C-alpha atoms as a PDB file:
ATOM      1  CA  UNK A   1      -8.669   6.517  24.269  1.00  0.00           C
ATOM      2  CA  UNK A   2      -6.421   3.842  22.430  1.00  0.00           C
ATOM      3  CA  UNK A   3      -2.746   5.009  21.827  1.00  0.00           C
ATOM      4  CA  UNK A   4      -1.673   6.108  18.531  1.00  0.00           C
ATOM      5  CA  UNK A   5       1.295   5.164  16.075  1.00  0.00           C
ATOM      6  CA  UNK A   6       3.990   7.612  16.605  1.00  0.00           C
ATOM      7  CA  UNK A   7       5.736   8.821  13.911  1.00  0.00           C
ATOM      8  CA  UNK A   8       8.555  11.162  14.256  1.00  0.00           C
ATOM      9  CA  UNK A   9      10.028  12.991  10.519  1.00  0.00           C
ATOM     10  CA  UNK A  10      13.481  14.218  10.948  1.00  0.00           C
ATOM     11  CA  UNK A  11      14.427  17.610   9.046  1.00  0.00           C
ATOM     12  CA  UNK A  12      17.121  19.490   8.134  1.00  0.00           C
ATOM     13  CA  UNK A  13      17.285  22.896   6.402  1.00  0.00           C
ATOM     14  CA  UNK A  14      17.231  22.800   2.512  1.00  0.00           C
ATOM     15  CA  UNK A  15      15.038  19.900   2.824  1.00  0.00           C
ATOM     16  CA  UNK A  16      12.077  19.135   0.526  1.00  0.00           C
ATOM     17  CA  UNK A  17       9.103  20.025   1.623  1.00  0.00           C
ATOM     18  CA  UNK A  18       6.878  17.447  -0.174  1.00  0.00           C
ATOM     19  CA  UNK A  19       9.208  14.750   1.817  1.00  0.00           C
ATOM     20  CA  UNK A  20       7.786  15.780   5.078  1.00  0.00           C
ATOM     21  CA  UNK A  21       4.633  16.959   4.203  1.00  0.00           C
ATOM     22  CA  UNK A  22       2.961  13.943   1.480  1.00  0.00           C
ATOM     23  CA  UNK A  23       3.968  11.321   3.952  1.00  0.00           C
ATOM     24  CA  UNK A  24       2.703  13.055   7.149  1.00  0.00           C
ATOM     25  CA  UNK A  25      -1.172  14.235   4.825  1.00  0.00           C
ATOM     26  CA  UNK A  26      -1.512  10.163   4.176  1.00  0.00           C
ATOM     27  CA  UNK A  27      -1.185   9.571   7.905  1.00  0.00           C
ATOM     28  CA  UNK A  28      -3.377  12.149   8.803  1.00  0.00           C
ATOM     29  CA  UNK A  29      -6.304  11.625   6.317  1.00  0.00           C
ATOM     30  CA  UNK A  30      -5.652   7.438   7.210  1.00  0.00           C
ATOM     31  CA  UNK A  31      -6.536   8.308  10.791  1.00  0.00           C
ATOM     32  CA  UNK A  32      -9.785   9.923   9.872  1.00  0.00           C
ATOM     33  CA  UNK A  33     -10.451   7.364   7.940  1.00  0.00           C
ATOM     34  CA  UNK A  34      -9.782   4.981  10.995  1.00  0.00           C
ATOM     35  CA  UNK A  35     -12.393   7.159  13.084  1.00  0.00           C
ATOM     36  CA  UNK A  36     -12.011   7.851  16.922  1.00  0.00           C
ATOM     37  CA  UNK A  37     -11.882   5.047  19.091  1.00  0.00           C
ATOM     38  CA  UNK A  38      -9.115   3.211  17.016  1.00  0.00           C
ATOM     39  CA  UNK A  39      -5.150   3.453  16.600  1.00  0.00           C
ATOM     40  CA  UNK A  40      -4.533   6.418  14.222  1.00  0.00           C
ATOM     41  CA  UNK A  41      -1.375   8.169  13.758  1.00  0.00           C
ATOM     42  CA  UNK A  42      -0.069  11.178  15.494  1.00  0.00           C
ATOM     43  CA  UNK A  43       2.961  13.313  13.831  1.00  0.00           C
ATOM     44  CA  UNK A  44       5.814  14.651  15.039  1.00  0.00           C
ATOM     45  CA  UNK A  45       8.693  16.973  13.029  1.00  0.00           C
ATOM     46  CA  UNK A  46      11.596  16.607  14.412  1.00  0.00           C
ATOM     47  CA  UNK A  47      14.657  18.947  14.015  1.00  0.00           C
ATOM     48  CA  UNK A  48      18.399  20.018  15.288  1.00  0.00           C
ATOM     49  CA  UNK A  49      16.536  22.613  16.370  1.00  0.00           C
ATOM     50  CA  UNK A  50      13.123  23.604  17.504  1.00  0.00           C
ATOM     51  CA  UNK A  51      11.240  26.492  15.534  1.00  0.00           C
ATOM     52  CA  UNK A  52      11.412  27.456  11.848  1.00  0.00           C
ATOM     53  CA  UNK A  53      12.975  25.113   9.204  1.00  0.00           C
ATOM     54  CA  UNK A  54      13.681  26.902   5.706  1.00  0.00           C
ATOM     55  CA  UNK A  55      12.551  24.210   3.152  1.00  0.00           C
ATOM     56  CA  UNK A  56      13.983  24.103  -0.289  1.00  0.00           C
ATOM     57  CA  UNK A  57      11.205  25.947  -2.108  1.00  0.00           C
ATOM     58  CA  UNK A  58      11.552  28.685   0.903  1.00  0.00           C
ATOM     59  CA  UNK A  59       8.169  27.398   2.583  1.00  0.00           C
ATOM     60  CA  UNK A  60       9.180  27.421   6.470  1.00  0.00           C
ATOM     61  CA  UNK A  61       7.885  24.231   8.718  1.00  0.00           C
ATOM     62  CA  UNK A  62       7.803  24.612  12.443  1.00  0.00           C
ATOM     63  CA  UNK A  63       9.498  21.502  13.944  1.00  0.00           C
ATOM     64  CA  UNK A  64       7.536  20.195  16.655  1.00  0.00           C
ATOM     65  CA  UNK A  65      10.779  19.096  19.076  1.00  0.00           C
ATOM     66  CA  UNK A  66      14.619  18.949  18.983  1.00  0.00           C
ATOM     67  CA  UNK A  67      16.158  15.834  17.502  1.00  0.00           C
ATOM     68  CA  UNK A  68      17.157  15.385  20.932  1.00  0.00           C
ATOM     69  CA  UNK A  69      14.336  15.675  22.943  1.00  0.00           C
ATOM     70  CA  UNK A  70      12.796  12.647  20.902  1.00  0.00           C
ATOM     71  CA  UNK A  71      12.774  10.399  23.596  1.00  0.00           C
ATOM     72  CA  UNK A  72      10.357   7.306  24.455  1.00  0.00           C
ATOM     73  CA  UNK A  73       8.698   4.835  21.751  1.00  0.00           C
ATOM     74  CA  UNK A  74       9.005   5.668  18.197  1.00  0.00           C
ATOM     75  CA  UNK A  75       6.050   3.976  16.158  1.00  0.00           C
ATOM     76  CA  UNK A  76       7.921   5.318  12.442  1.00  0.00           C
ATOM     77  CA  UNK A  77      11.037   6.908  12.138  1.00  0.00           C
ATOM     78  CA  UNK A  78      10.973   8.350   8.407  1.00  0.00           C
ATOM     79  CA  UNK A  79      13.707  10.783   7.405  1.00  0.00           C
ATOM     80  CA  UNK A  80      13.590  13.337   4.633  1.00  0.00           C
ATOM     81  CA  UNK A  81      15.615  14.391   2.064  1.00  0.00           C
ATOM     82  CA  UNK A  82      16.761  16.988   0.204  1.00  0.00           C
ATOM     83  CA  UNK A  83      18.649  17.489  -3.669  1.00  0.00           C
ATOM     84  CA  UNK A  84      21.197  19.623  -4.340  1.00  0.00           C
ATOM     85  CA  UNK A  85      21.631  21.275  -8.064  1.00  0.00           C
ATOM     86  CA  UNK A  86      24.957  22.131  -9.414  1.00  0.00           C
ATOM     87  CA  UNK A  87      24.048  23.457 -13.549  1.00  0.00           C
ATOM     88  CA  UNK A  88      23.388  19.404 -14.567  1.00  0.00           C
ATOM     89  CA  UNK A  89      24.671  17.429 -11.783  1.00  0.00           C
ATOM     90  CA  UNK A  90      22.527  16.123  -8.933  1.00  0.00           C
ATOM     91  CA  UNK A  91      23.936  15.494  -5.734  1.00  0.00           C
ATOM     92  CA  UNK A  92      22.071  14.192  -2.137  1.00  0.00           C
ATOM     93  CA  UNK A  93      22.072  16.645   1.166  1.00  0.00           C
ATOM     94  CA  UNK A  94      24.084  14.812   4.077  1.00  0.00           C
ATOM     95  CA  UNK A  95      22.916  16.537   6.990  1.00  0.00           C
ATOM     96  CA  UNK A  96      25.849  15.223   9.724  1.00  0.00           C
ATOM     97  CA  UNK A  97      23.762  16.310  12.516  1.00  0.00           C
ATOM     98  CA  UNK A  98      20.942  13.606  11.734  1.00  0.00           C
ATOM     99  CA  UNK A  99      23.328  10.927  10.398  1.00  0.00           C
ATOM    100  CA  UNK A 100      24.930  11.194  13.704  1.00  0.00           C
ATOM    101  CA  UNK A 101      21.584  11.166  15.560  1.00  0.00           C
ATOM    102  CA  UNK A 102      20.020   8.338  13.303  1.00  0.00           C
ATOM    103  CA  UNK A 103      22.664   6.148  14.612  1.00  0.00           C
ATOM    104  CA  UNK A 104      21.316   5.678  18.193  1.00  0.00           C
ATOM    105  CA  UNK A 105      17.776   6.757  17.799  1.00  0.00           C
ATOM    106  CA  UNK A 106      17.068   4.211  14.761  1.00  0.00           C
ATOM    107  CA  UNK A 107      17.576   1.317  16.646  1.00  0.00           C
ATOM    108  CA  UNK A 108      14.657   2.198  19.399  1.00  0.00           C
ATOM    109  CA  UNK A 109      12.213   2.868  16.174  1.00  0.00           C
ATOM    110  CA  UNK A 110       9.760   0.113  15.710  1.00  0.00           C
ATOM    111  CA  UNK A 111      10.362   0.963  11.325  1.00  0.00           C
ATOM    112  CA  UNK A 112      12.562   3.575   9.902  1.00  0.00           C
ATOM    113  CA  UNK A 113      12.358   4.586   6.523  1.00  0.00           C
ATOM    114  CA  UNK A 114      13.851   7.084   4.649  1.00  0.00           C
ATOM    115  CA  UNK A 115      12.244   9.071   1.507  1.00  0.00           C
ATOM    116  CA  UNK A 116      13.669  10.411  -1.520  1.00  0.00           C
ATOM    117  CA  UNK A 117      17.204  11.338  -1.412  1.00  0.00           C
ATOM    118  CA  UNK A 118      16.908  10.747   2.582  1.00  0.00           C
ATOM    119  CA  UNK A 119      18.335   7.155   1.788  1.00  0.00           C
ATOM    120  CA  UNK A 120      21.767   8.727   2.038  1.00  0.00           C
ATOM    121  CA  UNK A 121      21.177   9.632   5.313  1.00  0.00           C
ATOM    122  CA  UNK A 122      20.176   6.327   5.968  1.00  0.00           C
ATOM    123  CA  UNK A 123      23.240   4.602   4.397  1.00  0.00           C
ATOM    124  CA  UNK A 124      25.958   7.267   6.061  1.00  0.00           C
ATOM    125  CA  UNK A 125      24.437   6.072   9.165  1.00  0.00           C
ATOM    126  CA  UNK A 126      25.324   2.544   8.187  1.00  0.00           C
ATOM    127  CA  UNK A 127      21.435   1.327   8.190  1.00  0.00           C
ATOM    128  CA  UNK A 128      21.376   0.054   4.991  1.00  0.00           C
ATOM    129  CA  UNK A 129      24.276  -2.039   4.632  1.00  0.00           C
ATOM    130  CA  UNK A 130      23.396  -5.403   3.151  1.00  0.00           C
ATOM    131  CA  UNK A 131      19.821  -4.746   2.342  1.00  0.00           C
ATOM    132  CA  UNK A 132      18.231  -4.085  -0.700  1.00  0.00           C
ATOM    133  CA  UNK A 133      16.737   0.011  -1.326  1.00  0.00           C
ATOM    134  CA  UNK A 134      15.991   2.340  -3.581  1.00  0.00           C
ATOM    135  CA  UNK A 135      16.085   6.408  -3.820  1.00  0.00           C
ATOM    136  CA  UNK A 136      15.651   8.919  -6.273  1.00  0.00           C
ATOM    137  CA  UNK A 137      16.357   7.472  -9.388  1.00  0.00           C
ATOM    138  CA  UNK A 138      18.503  10.585 -10.060  1.00  0.00           C
ATOM    139  CA  UNK A 139      20.853  10.008  -7.276  1.00  0.00           C
ATOM    140  CA  UNK A 140      20.208   6.244  -7.038  1.00  0.00           C
ATOM    141  CA  UNK A 141      23.868   5.725  -9.064  1.00  0.00           C
ATOM    142  CA  UNK A 142      25.606   7.448  -6.383  1.00  0.00           C
ATOM    143  CA  UNK A 143      24.210   5.209  -3.485  1.00  0.00           C
ATOM    144  CA  UNK A 144      25.557   3.027  -4.770  1.00  0.00           C
ATOM    145  CA  UNK A 145      28.911   3.530  -5.945  1.00  0.00           C
ATOM    146  CA  UNK A 146      29.690   5.182  -2.331  1.00  0.00           C
ATOM    147  CA  UNK A 147      28.193   2.572  -0.514  1.00  0.00           C
ATOM    148  CA  UNK A 148      28.895  -0.788  -2.287  1.00  0.00           C
ATOM    149  CA  UNK A 149      27.087  -3.264   0.591  1.00  0.00           C
ATOM    150  CA  UNK A 150      23.707  -1.620  -0.047  1.00  0.00           C
ATOM    151  CA  UNK A 151      21.905  -3.383  -3.024  1.00  0.00           C
ATOM    152  CA  UNK A 152      20.585  -0.374  -4.843  1.00  0.00           C
ATOM    153  CA  UNK A 153      17.328  -1.104  -7.312  1.00  0.00           C
ATOM    154  CA  UNK A 154      16.613   2.614  -8.840  1.00  0.00           C
ATOM    155  CA  UNK A 155      13.201   1.459 -10.097  1.00  0.00           C
ATOM    156  CA  UNK A 156      10.918   0.399  -7.292  1.00  0.00           C
ATOM    157  CA  UNK A 157       8.941   2.986  -6.113  1.00  0.00           C
ATOM    158  CA  UNK A 158       9.545   1.767  -2.155  1.00  0.00           C
ATOM    159  CA  UNK A 159      10.878  -0.902  -0.834  1.00  0.00           C
ATOM    160  CA  UNK A 160      10.392  -2.960   2.687  1.00  0.00           C
ATOM    161  CA  UNK A 161      13.126  -4.664   3.702  1.00  0.00           C
ATOM    162  CA  UNK A 162      12.491  -5.976   6.835  1.00  0.00           C
ATOM    163  CA  UNK A 163      11.722  -2.916   9.493  1.00  0.00           C
ATOM    164  CA  UNK A 164      13.821  -0.607   7.014  1.00  0.00           C
ATOM    165  CA  UNK A 165      11.747   1.078   4.152  1.00  0.00           C
ATOM    166  CA  UNK A 166      13.300   3.598   1.269  1.00  0.00           C
ATOM    167  CA  UNK A 167      11.190   4.698  -1.436  1.00  0.00           C
ATOM    168  CA  UNK A 168      11.593   6.741  -4.747  1.00  0.00           C
ATOM    169  CA  UNK A 169      11.619  10.194  -5.225  1.00  0.00           C
ATOM    170  CA  UNK A 170       9.103  13.074  -3.465  1.00  0.00           C
ATOM    171  CA  UNK A 171       5.705  12.122  -4.024  1.00  0.00           C
ATOM    172  CA  UNK A 172       6.582   8.277  -3.423  1.00  0.00           C
ATOM    173  CA  UNK A 173       6.949   9.107   0.097  1.00  0.00           C
ATOM    174  CA  UNK A 174       3.403   8.682   0.125  1.00  0.00           C
ATOM    175  CA  UNK A 175       2.803   5.829  -1.674  1.00  0.00           C
ATOM    176  CA  UNK A 176       5.557   4.145   1.207  1.00  0.00           C
ATOM    177  CA  UNK A 177       2.877   5.953   3.778  1.00  0.00           C
ATOM    178  CA  UNK A 178      -0.029   4.465   2.371  1.00  0.00           C
ATOM    179  CA  UNK A 179       2.063   0.978   2.169  1.00  0.00           C
ATOM    180  CA  UNK A 180       2.606   1.247   5.956  1.00  0.00           C
ATOM    181  CA  UNK A 181      -1.037   2.054   6.357  1.00  0.00           C
ATOM    182  CA  UNK A 182      -2.669  -0.973   4.604  1.00  0.00           C
ATOM    183  CA  UNK A 183       0.331  -2.817   6.981  1.00  0.00           C
ATOM    184  CA  UNK A 184      -0.910  -1.383  10.031  1.00  0.00           C
ATOM    185  CA  UNK A 185      -4.823  -1.243   9.464  1.00  0.00           C
ATOM    186  CA  UNK A 186      -5.318  -3.291   6.275  1.00  0.00           C
ATOM    187  CA  UNK A 187      -5.895  -2.817   2.527  1.00  0.00           C
ATOM    188  CA  UNK A 188      -9.385  -1.721   3.025  1.00  0.00           C
ATOM    189  CA  UNK A 189      -8.199   1.554   5.024  1.00  0.00           C
ATOM    190  CA  UNK A 190      -5.456   2.236   2.518  1.00  0.00           C
ATOM    191  CA  UNK A 191      -8.220   1.975  -0.275  1.00  0.00           C
ATOM    192  CA  UNK A 192     -10.690   4.097   1.669  1.00  0.00           C
ATOM    193  CA  UNK A 193      -7.871   7.035   1.992  1.00  0.00           C
ATOM    194  CA  UNK A 194      -6.132   6.467  -1.016  1.00  0.00           C
ATOM    195  CA  UNK A 195      -9.812   6.950  -2.802  1.00  0.00           C
ATOM    196  CA  UNK A 196      -9.852  10.323  -0.196  1.00  0.00           C
ATOM    197  CA  UNK A 197      -6.648  11.458  -1.370  1.00  0.00           C
ATOM    198  CA  UNK A 198      -7.077  10.802  -4.814  1.00  0.00           C
ATOM    199  CA  UNK A 199      -4.326   8.322  -4.859  1.00  0.00           C
ATOM    200  CA  UNK A 200      -3.596   4.838  -6.426  1.00  0.00           C
ATOM    201  CA  UNK A 201      -3.121   2.190  -3.522  1.00  0.00           C
ATOM    202  CA  UNK A 202      -0.438   0.817  -5.687  1.00  0.00           C
ATOM    203  CA  UNK A 203       0.807   2.833  -8.981  1.00  0.00           C
ATOM    204  CA  UNK A 204       1.649   0.937 -11.531  1.00  0.00           C
ATOM    205  CA  UNK A 205       5.341   0.503 -13.064  1.00  0.00           C
ATOM    206  CA  UNK A 206       8.280   1.672 -10.946  1.00  0.00           C
ATOM    207  CA  UNK A 207      10.091   5.426 -11.293  1.00  0.00           C
ATOM    208  CA  UNK A 208      11.704   4.447 -14.544  1.00  0.00           C
ATOM    209  CA  UNK A 209       8.772   5.940 -16.132  1.00  0.00           C
ATOM    210  CA  UNK A 210       9.308   8.851 -15.001  1.00  0.00           C
ATOM    211  CA  UNK A 211      13.067   9.173 -15.965  1.00  0.00           C
ATOM    212  CA  UNK A 212      14.422  10.211 -19.552  1.00  0.00           C
ATOM    213  CA  UNK A 213      17.281   8.261 -20.537  1.00  0.00           C
ATOM    214  CA  UNK A 214      18.855  11.064 -21.777  1.00  0.00           C
ATOM    215  CA  UNK A 215      20.169  12.250 -18.636  1.00  0.00           C
ATOM    216  CA  UNK A 216      23.217  11.093 -18.129  1.00  0.00           C
ATOM    217  CA  UNK A 217      25.772  13.491 -17.175  1.00  0.00           C
ATOM    218  CA  UNK A 218      28.498  14.268 -19.391  1.00  0.00           C
ATOM    219  CA  UNK A 219      31.060  16.448 -19.777  1.00  0.00           C
ATOM    220  CA  UNK A 220      31.378  18.865 -22.622  1.00  0.00           C
ATOM    221  CA  UNK A 221      32.605  17.493 -25.952  1.00  0.00           C
ATOM    222  CA  UNK A 222      32.396  13.716 -24.898  1.00  0.00           C
ATOM    223  CA  UNK A 223      32.181  11.386 -27.600  1.00  0.00           C
ATOM    224  CA  UNK A 224      29.338   9.174 -26.117  1.00  0.00           C
ATOM    225  CA  UNK A 225      27.569  12.235 -24.876  1.00  0.00           C
ATOM    226  CA  UNK A 226      27.415  13.742 -28.836  1.00  0.00           C
ATOM    227  CA  UNK A 227      26.102  10.402 -29.784  1.00  0.00           C
ATOM    228  CA  UNK A 228      23.416   9.934 -27.499  1.00  0.00           C
ATOM    229  CA  UNK A 229      21.850  13.738 -28.716  1.00  0.00           C
ATOM    230  CA  UNK A 230      21.826  11.918 -31.992  1.00  0.00           C
ATOM    231  CA  UNK A 231      20.027   8.707 -31.043  1.00  0.00           C
ATOM    232  CA  UNK A 232      17.413  11.173 -29.707  1.00  0.00           C
ATOM    233  CA  UNK A 233      16.924  12.606 -33.130  1.00  0.00           C
ATOM    234  CA  UNK A 234      16.748   9.154 -34.895  1.00  0.00           C
ATOM    235  CA  UNK A 235      15.442   6.515 -33.505  1.00  0.00           C
ATOM    236  CA  UNK A 236      13.152   5.793 -36.354  1.00  0.00           C
ATOM    237  CA  UNK A 237      16.561   4.835 -38.198  1.00  0.00           C
ATOM    238  CA  UNK A 238      19.190   1.408 -37.803  1.00  0.00           C
ATOM    239  CA  UNK A 239      20.547   2.294 -34.731  1.00  0.00           C
ATOM    240  CA  UNK A 240      22.599  -1.272 -33.939  1.00  0.00           C
ATOM    241  CA  UNK A 241      25.972  -1.405 -32.208  1.00  0.00           C
ATOM    242  CA  UNK A 242      27.468  -1.620 -35.789  1.00  0.00           C
ATOM    243  CA  UNK A 243      25.964   1.714 -36.936  1.00  0.00           C
ATOM    244  CA  UNK A 244      26.532   3.345 -33.847  1.00  0.00           C
ATOM    245  CA  UNK A 245      30.101   2.193 -33.677  1.00  0.00           C
ATOM    246  CA  UNK A 246      30.494   3.353 -37.211  1.00  0.00           C
ATOM    247  CA  UNK A 247      29.493   6.569 -36.258  1.00  0.00           C
ATOM    248  CA  UNK A 248      32.642   6.971 -33.922  1.00  0.00           C
ATOM    249  CA  UNK A 249      35.036   5.057 -36.154  1.00  0.00           C
ATOM    250  CA  UNK A 250      35.171   2.611 -33.882  1.00  0.00           C
ATOM    251  CA  UNK A 251      35.628  -1.578 -33.674  1.00  0.00           C
ATOM    252  CA  UNK A 252      31.995  -2.558 -32.145  1.00  0.00           C
ATOM    253  CA  UNK A 253      33.848  -4.268 -29.350  1.00  0.00           C
ATOM    254  CA  UNK A 254      35.612  -1.097 -28.127  1.00  0.00           C
ATOM    255  CA  UNK A 255      32.566   0.405 -29.188  1.00  0.00           C
ATOM    256  CA  UNK A 256      30.620  -1.539 -26.389  1.00  0.00           C
ATOM    257  CA  UNK A 257      32.966  -1.246 -24.049  1.00  0.00           C
ATOM    258  CA  UNK A 258      32.992   2.411 -23.987  1.00  0.00           C
ATOM    259  CA  UNK A 259      29.570   3.211 -23.942  1.00  0.00           C
ATOM    260  CA  UNK A 260      29.070   0.783 -20.922  1.00  0.00           C
ATOM    261  CA  UNK A 261      31.864   2.482 -19.421  1.00  0.00           C
ATOM    262  CA  UNK A 262      30.137   6.239 -19.615  1.00  0.00           C
ATOM    263  CA  UNK A 263      26.638   5.319 -19.332  1.00  0.00           C
ATOM    264  CA  UNK A 264      26.631   2.213 -17.424  1.00  0.00           C
ATOM    265  CA  UNK A 265      24.416   0.377 -20.297  1.00  0.00           C
ATOM    266  CA  UNK A 266      24.989  -1.703 -23.187  1.00  0.00           C
ATOM    267  CA  UNK A 267      24.211   0.083 -26.354  1.00  0.00           C
ATOM    268  CA  UNK A 268      20.805  -2.012 -27.213  1.00  0.00           C
ATOM    269  CA  UNK A 269      19.336  -1.391 -24.095  1.00  0.00           C
ATOM    270  CA  UNK A 270      20.236   2.133 -24.236  1.00  0.00           C
ATOM    271  CA  UNK A 271      18.247   2.582 -27.620  1.00  0.00           C
ATOM    272  CA  UNK A 272      15.596   0.721 -26.572  1.00  0.00           C
ATOM    273  CA  UNK A 273      15.340   2.891 -23.430  1.00  0.00           C
ATOM    274  CA  UNK A 274      15.349   5.852 -25.657  1.00  0.00           C
ATOM    275  CA  UNK A 275      12.518   4.285 -27.918  1.00  0.00           C
ATOM    276  CA  UNK A 276      10.135   3.714 -25.102  1.00  0.00           C
ATOM    277  CA  UNK A 277      10.869   7.156 -23.508  1.00  0.00           C
ATOM    278  CA  UNK A 278       9.489   8.224 -26.999  1.00  0.00           C
ATOM    279  CA  UNK A 279       6.560   6.023 -27.010  1.00  0.00           C
ATOM    280  CA  UNK A 280       5.706   7.485 -23.103  1.00  0.00           C
ATOM    281  CA  UNK A 281       5.537  10.856 -24.497  1.00  0.00           C
ATOM    282  CA  UNK A 282       3.591  10.153 -27.451  1.00  0.00           C
ATOM    283  CA  UNK A 283       0.868   8.382 -25.189  1.00  0.00           C
ATOM    284  CA  UNK A 284       1.169  11.220 -22.564  1.00  0.00           C
ATOM    285  CA  UNK A 285       0.636  14.032 -25.101  1.00  0.00           C
ATOM    286  CA  UNK A 286      -1.089  12.818 -28.438  1.00  0.00           C
ATOM    287  CA  UNK A 287      -4.136  10.557 -28.907  1.00  0.00           C
ATOM    288  CA  UNK A 288      -2.046   8.261 -31.544  1.00  0.00           C
ATOM    289  CA  UNK A 289      -3.553   4.919 -32.275  1.00  0.00           C
ATOM    290  CA  UNK A 290      -0.518   2.004 -31.006  1.00  0.00           C
ATOM    291  CA  UNK A 291       0.451   1.015 -34.483  1.00  0.00           C
ATOM    292  CA  UNK A 292       1.302   4.585 -35.021  1.00  0.00           C
ATOM    293  CA  UNK A 293       3.309   4.996 -31.572  1.00  0.00           C
ATOM    294  CA  UNK A 294       5.343   1.722 -32.308  1.00  0.00           C
ATOM    295  CA  UNK A 295       6.744   3.495 -35.493  1.00  0.00           C
ATOM    296  CA  UNK A 296       7.452   6.940 -34.629  1.00  0.00           C
ATOM    297  CA  UNK A 297       9.101   5.680 -31.612  1.00  0.00           C
ATOM    298  CA  UNK A 298      10.959   3.255 -33.490  1.00  0.00           C
ATOM    299  CA  UNK A 299      10.139   0.197 -31.811  1.00  0.00           C
ATOM    300  CA  UNK A 300       8.445  -0.598 -35.197  1.00  0.00           C
ATOM    301  CA  UNK A 301       5.371  -3.060 -34.086  1.00  0.00           C
ATOM    302  CA  UNK A 302       2.652  -3.244 -31.067  1.00  0.00           C
ATOM    303  CA  UNK A 303       3.909  -6.009 -30.165  1.00  0.00           C
ATOM    304  CA  UNK A 304       7.347  -4.395 -29.534  1.00  0.00           C
ATOM    305  CA  UNK A 305       6.088  -2.120 -28.124  1.00  0.00           C
ATOM    306  CA  UNK A 306       3.504  -3.908 -25.442  1.00  0.00           C
ATOM    307  CA  UNK A 307       7.249  -6.282 -24.567  1.00  0.00           C
ATOM    308  CA  UNK A 308       9.323  -2.989 -24.063  1.00  0.00           C
ATOM    309  CA  UNK A 309       6.568  -1.472 -21.750  1.00  0.00           C
ATOM    310  CA  UNK A 310       6.463  -4.701 -19.661  1.00  0.00           C
ATOM    311  CA  UNK A 311       9.730  -4.952 -19.590  1.00  0.00           C
ATOM    312  CA  UNK A 312      10.948  -1.521 -18.385  1.00  0.00           C
ATOM    313  CA  UNK A 313       7.604  -0.149 -16.776  1.00  0.00           C
ATOM    314  CA  UNK A 314       5.895  -2.870 -15.727  1.00  0.00           C
ATOM    315  CA  UNK A 315       2.666  -1.838 -17.412  1.00  0.00           C
ATOM    316  CA  UNK A 316       0.916  -1.538 -20.894  1.00  0.00           C
ATOM    317  CA  UNK A 317       0.847   1.460 -23.453  1.00  0.00           C
ATOM    318  CA  UNK A 318      -3.196   1.246 -22.924  1.00  0.00           C
ATOM    319  CA  UNK A 319      -2.607   1.465 -18.706  1.00  0.00           C
ATOM    320  CA  UNK A 320      -0.188   4.068 -19.105  1.00  0.00           C
ATOM    321  CA  UNK A 321      -1.643   6.148 -21.066  1.00  0.00           C
ATOM    322  CA  UNK A 322      -5.145   5.917 -19.288  1.00  0.00           C
ATOM    323  CA  UNK A 323      -3.192   6.867 -16.183  1.00  0.00           C
ATOM    324  CA  UNK A 324      -0.756   9.427 -17.421  1.00  0.00           C
ATOM    325  CA  UNK A 325      -1.489  11.392 -20.410  1.00  0.00           C
ATOM    326  CA  UNK A 326      -1.853  15.224 -20.089  1.00  0.00           C
ATOM    327  CA  UNK A 327      -4.847  16.981 -19.864  1.00  0.00           C
ATOM    328  CA  UNK A 328      -4.177  18.785 -23.071  1.00  0.00           C
ATOM    329  CA  UNK A 329      -4.423  14.894 -24.585  1.00  0.00           C
ATOM    330  CA  UNK A 330      -7.311  14.069 -22.578  1.00  0.00           C
ATOM    331  CA  UNK A 331      -9.399  17.673 -23.404  1.00  0.00           C
ATOM    332  CA  UNK A 332      -8.757  17.037 -27.135  1.00  0.00           C
ATOM    333  CA  UNK A 333     -10.269  13.768 -26.883  1.00  0.00           C
ATOM    334  CA  UNK A 334     -13.244  14.609 -25.492  1.00  0.00           C
ATOM    335  CA  UNK A 335     -13.760  17.509 -28.279  1.00  0.00           C
ATOM    336  CA  UNK A 336     -12.952  15.221 -30.935  1.00  0.00           C
ATOM    337  CA  UNK A 337     -15.362  12.601 -29.510  1.00  0.00           C
ATOM    338  CA  UNK A 338     -18.392  14.949 -28.860  1.00  0.00           C
ATOM    339  CA  UNK A 339     -18.120  16.231 -32.875  1.00  0.00           C
ATOM    340  CA  UNK A 340     -17.963  12.309 -33.479  1.00  0.00           C
ATOM    341  CA  UNK A 341     -21.105  12.419 -31.393  1.00  0.00           C
ATOM    342  CA  UNK A 342     -22.933  15.784 -32.851  1.00  0.00           C
END
């Protein structure tokens, strides 16, 4: 029998369940697609202690071996992640034991990857210095602030930088694993695996299409935070820098500087992001036409709607609707079509 690709997934208490099982399932299905007699995948879960590991969802995983027992050649070393929620604040969990182990284990693996907030563990171990990397959009800002040697890009679903891979939030670990299958066995095997799992070989756009522009955390009573909420309720109005600055009784220059300091974005870019978010939800949840959506979201014209979607999401409004519309909206369309035919 040919040697298999050995995949070791490092876990710790509180790890996100799908960060572990998602990639593991992709490798398992790919092995079935590849078939007997060819080099498939063998997945092992490693933890500080052998036995049950409680995940963030409460479901327990069983570690195959301890971190200390991981020896010999490792083809792919995956580090799963976890996020701690404290009210509206979110931070990545950095398990010190796993970080220490990574410093010696990572150099022995052919490739190393993190899933979701697992990038913070790779960062703490010094494995991402000087490299481009991504992580869940909720913790990307913190990753960039705490590890300035890393070139953090919060939008891609995954990034490959030599032998180091990082990916975005939760389910993107499956996208990353599928890309690894393509690298190992070719696009045809990856496509067959994706079909069996009802996945996209490459999903359109980046993870910004799943984030909410209004997610910027702010202390209670913050004037910029109150303005952002006002913007969300007045997307079809005049949201120029002059109008927004006037609401806060500030000069345009001082307002722009304060807004960028608080949000990390310019007023114009933030307004467009908010309008794209509104358009995205209308595409998901309604059967409105593109002119109506462009008007209702404040983008104004179909041409502007297309340009904003291309720029921010890497896809078209029609393609986004086809892939991400809600089942209720689709059912509504189907019923309407049935009535029209009858």
